[in-house]
Amino acid sequence: KRGTRCSGQLWPKGSGEPDRPIRIGAYGNGALPVIDAGQADAAVKLFNQQHWVVELLETTGGNPYGVLIRGTRGELRGFELKNLVVHDVTGERKSKATGLVVVTVRKSARMADLLIDGVTAYNTTEWGGIVVSGAAREHRIRNVTIRNSIVHDVYGDGIVMFSVEDGLIERSAAWLTGLQPVEKIGTPNAIWTWTCRRCVVRHTEGFFID
């Protein structure tokens, strides 16, 4: 319900079906409903689940994630994160697959069909703003679109696709990235890709980057 604030982690169980995803969103009038994770590992989490739409929520807190989609087994498909506001994720950087919005798989899983649209992500001492990370070149996450999104005030990367196949980042912006006081686990950028195949970055802007 809009205008409410819920404490703790939101980890709904189960999976939807192709063309029949499970949807979580807001209803009623007023401000976006807030999920306050505190020190839970994430405010919103999906683990070895598929066919979900998560939209129209605000999250705060989480260590080391704000919104997390993670896979360790099987073939996982069909995720949409839309019109979310994700902020204030804490913790010390130990991995580049941490931060405000993180989608990641291990080599034992496959993932495809991810849309991140209209997400605003800001303020973390963890690594990234929006991070999509496959396991390796042979286990890339397939068919990924990130668009209409904003990232700022992060210790590492703003928006990044690691090990993705058929990926697109467009109409997005990132600023005040790379704020880590001392380089520990790598050199960040505003918006970029790494070990990707057939990936495009267009109509984006990055500024005030360290």
Protein backbone atom coordinates (compact mmCIF):
# COMPACT_ATOMS: atom_id res chain seq x y z
CA LYS A 1 0.00 0.00 0.00
CA ARG A 2 1.32 3.44 -0.90
CA GLY A 3 2.33 5.57 2.03
CA THR A 4 3.40 2.60 4.17
CA ARG A 5 6.81 1.62 5.51
CA CYS A 6 7.66 -2.04 6.12
CA SER A 7 10.66 -3.16 8.17
CA GLY A 8 12.71 -6.18 7.17
CA GLN A 9 13.48 -8.08 4.01
CA LEU A 10 10.91 -8.76 1.29
CA TRP A 11 11.70 -12.22 -0.08
CA PRO A 12 8.61 -13.62 -1.79
CA LYS A 13 8.79 -17.30 -2.67
CA GLY A 14 7.96 -19.28 -5.77
CA SER A 15 8.10 -18.53 -9.48
CA GLY A 16 5.71 -17.37 -12.14
CA GLU A 17 5.29 -18.90 -15.57
CA PRO A 18 6.13 -17.69 -19.08
CA ASP A 19 3.66 -14.92 -19.98
CA ARG A 20 2.21 -15.19 -16.45
CA PRO A 21 4.79 -13.55 -14.14
CA ILE A 22 4.18 -12.92 -10.46
CA ARG A 23 3.88 -9.15 -9.89
CA ILE A 24 4.73 -7.06 -6.86
CA GLY A 25 3.84 -3.39 -6.95
CA ALA A 26 2.02 -0.53 -5.27
CA TYR A 27 -1.66 0.27 -4.88
CA GLY A 28 -3.64 3.16 -3.41
CA ASN A 29 -2.60 6.81 -3.23
CA GLY A 30 0.46 8.62 -1.93
CA ALA A 31 4.19 7.99 -1.83
CA LEU A 32 5.77 4.74 -2.92
CA PRO A 33 5.69 2.01 -0.27
CA VAL A 34 9.08 1.72 1.46
CA ILE A 35 10.85 -1.55 2.25
CA ASP A 36 13.36 -0.79 5.03
CA ALA A 37 15.85 -3.65 5.11
CA GLY A 38 17.95 -2.49 8.02
CA GLN A 39 20.97 -4.82 8.06
CA ALA A 40 19.36 -7.70 6.16
CA ASP A 41 21.43 -8.82 3.19
CA ALA A 42 18.93 -7.18 0.80
CA ALA A 43 15.71 -5.21 0.92
CA VAL A 44 14.14 -7.22 -1.94
CA LYS A 45 15.52 -10.60 -2.93
CA LEU A 46 14.79 -13.31 -5.50
CA PHE A 47 16.93 -16.47 -5.27
CA ASN A 48 16.68 -19.28 -7.83
CA GLN A 49 13.28 -17.94 -8.89
CA GLN A 50 11.98 -16.73 -12.24
CA HIS A 51 9.20 -14.89 -14.07
CA TRP A 52 8.80 -11.92 -11.73
CA VAL A 53 7.85 -8.26 -12.15
CA VAL A 54 8.85 -5.95 -9.28
CA GLU A 55 7.78 -2.34 -9.69
CA LEU A 56 6.77 0.88 -7.94
CA LEU A 57 8.65 0.32 -4.68
CA GLU A 58 11.21 2.27 -2.69
CA THR A 59 13.87 0.40 -0.75
CA THR A 60 16.37 1.58 1.81
CA GLY A 61 19.10 -0.29 3.64
CA GLY A 62 20.55 -3.70 3.02
CA ASN A 63 24.09 -5.01 3.37
CA PRO A 64 25.54 -5.65 0.80
CA TYR A 65 22.52 -5.37 -1.55
CA GLY A 66 19.45 -3.25 -2.05
CA VAL A 67 17.61 -5.31 -4.68
CA LEU A 68 19.13 -8.71 -5.44
CA ILE A 69 18.31 -11.32 -8.09
CA ARG A 70 20.65 -14.31 -7.74
CA GLY A 71 20.84 -17.70 -9.36
CA THR A 72 22.92 -20.73 -8.45
CA ARG A 73 21.13 -23.53 -10.33
CA GLY A 74 18.88 -24.23 -13.28
CA GLU A 75 17.68 -22.06 -16.17
CA LEU A 76 16.17 -18.80 -14.86
CA ARG A 77 14.25 -16.42 -17.12
CA GLY A 78 11.92 -13.48 -17.13
CA PHE A 79 12.69 -10.60 -14.73
CA GLU A 80 11.47 -7.01 -14.80
CA LEU A 81 12.53 -4.31 -12.33
CA LYS A 82 10.57 -1.15 -13.12
CA ASN A 83 10.17 2.28 -11.54
CA LEU A 84 12.06 1.49 -8.36
CA VAL A 85 13.91 3.85 -6.02
CA VAL A 86 16.78 2.06 -4.26
CA HIS A 87 19.12 3.80 -1.83
CA ASP A 88 21.38 3.69 1.21
CA VAL A 89 23.01 0.28 0.96
CA THR A 90 25.86 -0.11 3.44
CA GLY A 91 28.81 -2.43 3.91
CA GLU A 92 32.47 -2.73 3.01
CA ARG A 93 33.34 -3.54 -0.59
CA LYS A 94 34.54 -7.13 -1.00
CA SER A 95 33.10 -7.95 -4.43
CA LYS A 96 32.08 -6.08 -7.57
CA ALA A 97 28.77 -7.97 -7.50
CA THR A 98 27.44 -5.86 -4.62
CA GLY A 99 25.52 -2.62 -4.43
CA LEU A 100 22.12 -1.09 -4.97
CA VAL A 101 20.63 -3.28 -7.73
CA VAL A 102 22.50 -6.53 -8.42
CA VAL A 103 21.64 -9.40 -10.77
CA THR A 104 24.16 -12.24 -10.67
CA VAL A 105 24.57 -15.96 -11.38
CA ARG A 106 27.07 -18.68 -10.65
CA LYS A 107 28.47 -21.05 -13.29
CA SER A 108 25.96 -23.69 -12.21
CA ALA A 109 23.02 -21.50 -13.39
CA ARG A 110 21.82 -19.85 -16.59
CA MET A 111 19.84 -16.63 -16.78
CA ALA A 112 18.07 -14.74 -19.57
CA ASP A 113 15.47 -12.06 -20.31
CA LEU A 114 16.10 -9.22 -17.86
CA LEU A 115 14.63 -5.71 -18.06
CA ILE A 116 15.64 -2.88 -15.72
CA ASP A 117 13.60 0.21 -16.58
CA GLY A 118 13.11 3.49 -14.75
CA VAL A 119 15.26 2.66 -11.72
CA THR A 120 16.80 5.38 -9.57
CA ALA A 121 19.65 4.05 -7.42
CA TYR A 122 21.84 6.14 -5.16
CA ASN A 123 24.07 6.26 -2.10
CA THR A 124 26.06 3.13 -1.33
CA THR A 125 29.43 2.26 0.17
CA GLU A 126 29.23 -1.06 -1.67
CA TRP A 127 30.44 -1.35 -5.27
CA GLY A 128 27.77 -0.62 -7.85
CA GLY A 129 24.62 1.21 -8.69
CA ILE A 130 23.16 -1.23 -11.23
CA VAL A 131 25.27 -4.38 -11.75
CA VAL A 132 24.37 -7.29 -14.03
CA SER A 133 27.01 -10.00 -13.76
CA GLY A 134 27.22 -13.35 -15.51
CA ALA A 135 29.52 -16.04 -14.19
CA ALA A 136 32.04 -16.10 -17.06
CA ARG A 137 32.32 -15.79 -20.82
CA GLU A 138 30.72 -19.22 -21.20
CA HIS A 139 27.88 -18.38 -18.81
CA ARG A 140 26.80 -14.91 -19.87
CA ILE A 141 23.39 -13.56 -18.86
CA ARG A 142 21.43 -13.28 -22.11
CA ASN A 143 19.03 -10.63 -23.41
CA VAL A 144 19.50 -7.77 -20.93
CA THR A 145 18.09 -4.25 -21.24
CA ILE A 146 18.82 -1.37 -18.85
CA ARG A 147 17.10 1.89 -19.76
CA ASN A 148 15.69 5.15 -18.39
CA SER A 149 17.71 4.73 -15.20
CA ILE A 150 19.77 7.00 -12.95
CA VAL A 151 22.65 6.16 -10.61
CA HIS A 152 24.65 8.50 -8.39
CA ASP A 153 26.79 8.56 -5.26
CA VAL A 154 28.30 5.08 -5.41
CA TYR A 155 31.72 3.83 -4.35
CA GLY A 156 32.32 1.87 -7.57
CA ASP A 157 30.63 1.48 -10.95
CA GLY A 158 27.49 3.34 -11.89
CA ILE A 159 25.84 1.01 -14.44
CA VAL A 160 27.77 -2.03 -15.66
CA MET A 161 27.14 -5.29 -17.51
CA PHE A 162 29.73 -8.01 -16.84
CA SER A 163 29.59 -11.16 -18.99
CA VAL A 164 26.34 -10.37 -20.79
CA GLU A 165 25.18 -11.47 -24.23
CA ASP A 166 22.81 -9.34 -26.31
CA GLY A 167 22.76 -6.45 -23.85
CA LEU A 168 21.60 -2.85 -24.18
CA ILE A 169 22.10 0.18 -21.93
CA GLU A 170 20.28 3.29 -23.14
CA ARG A 171 18.77 6.61 -22.08
CA SER A 172 20.46 6.47 -18.69
CA ALA A 173 22.85 8.60 -16.63
CA ALA A 174 25.38 8.12 -13.84
CA TRP A 175 27.32 10.65 -11.83
CA LEU A 176 29.44 10.80 -8.69
CA THR A 177 30.73 7.27 -9.22
CA GLY A 178 34.02 5.82 -8.02
CA LEU A 179 33.78 7.49 -4.62
CA GLN A 180 35.75 4.75 -2.82
CA PRO A 181 38.27 6.62 -0.63
CA VAL A 182 41.02 4.08 -1.40
CA GLU A 183 41.15 1.71 -4.38
CA LYS A 184 40.69 -1.83 -3.07
CA ILE A 185 39.00 -4.09 -5.63
CA GLY A 186 39.30 -2.32 -8.95
CA THR A 187 38.90 0.83 -10.99
CA PRO A 188 35.28 1.89 -11.62
CA ASN A 189 33.55 3.79 -14.38
CA ALA A 190 30.19 5.48 -14.90
CA ILE A 191 28.53 3.29 -17.56
CA TRP A 192 30.31 0.42 -19.30
CA THR A 193 30.45 -3.26 -20.27
CA TRP A 194 33.05 -6.00 -19.73
CA THR A 195 33.53 -9.37 -21.51
CA CYS A 196 30.20 -8.87 -23.26
CA ARG A 197 29.03 -10.15 -26.63
CA ARG A 198 26.78 -8.04 -28.87
CA CYS A 199 26.27 -5.32 -26.26
CA VAL A 200 25.37 -1.69 -27.04
CA VAL A 201 25.61 1.47 -24.92
CA ARG A 202 23.83 4.48 -26.43
CA HIS A 203 22.23 7.79 -25.49
CA THR A 204 23.79 7.78 -22.03
CA GLU A 205 25.71 10.31 -19.96
CA GLY A 206 28.34 10.01 -17.25
CA PHE A 207 29.95 12.88 -15.36
CA PHE A 208 31.76 13.71 -12.10
CA ILE A 209 33.48 10.31 -12.29
CA ASP A 210 36.53 9.16 -10.37
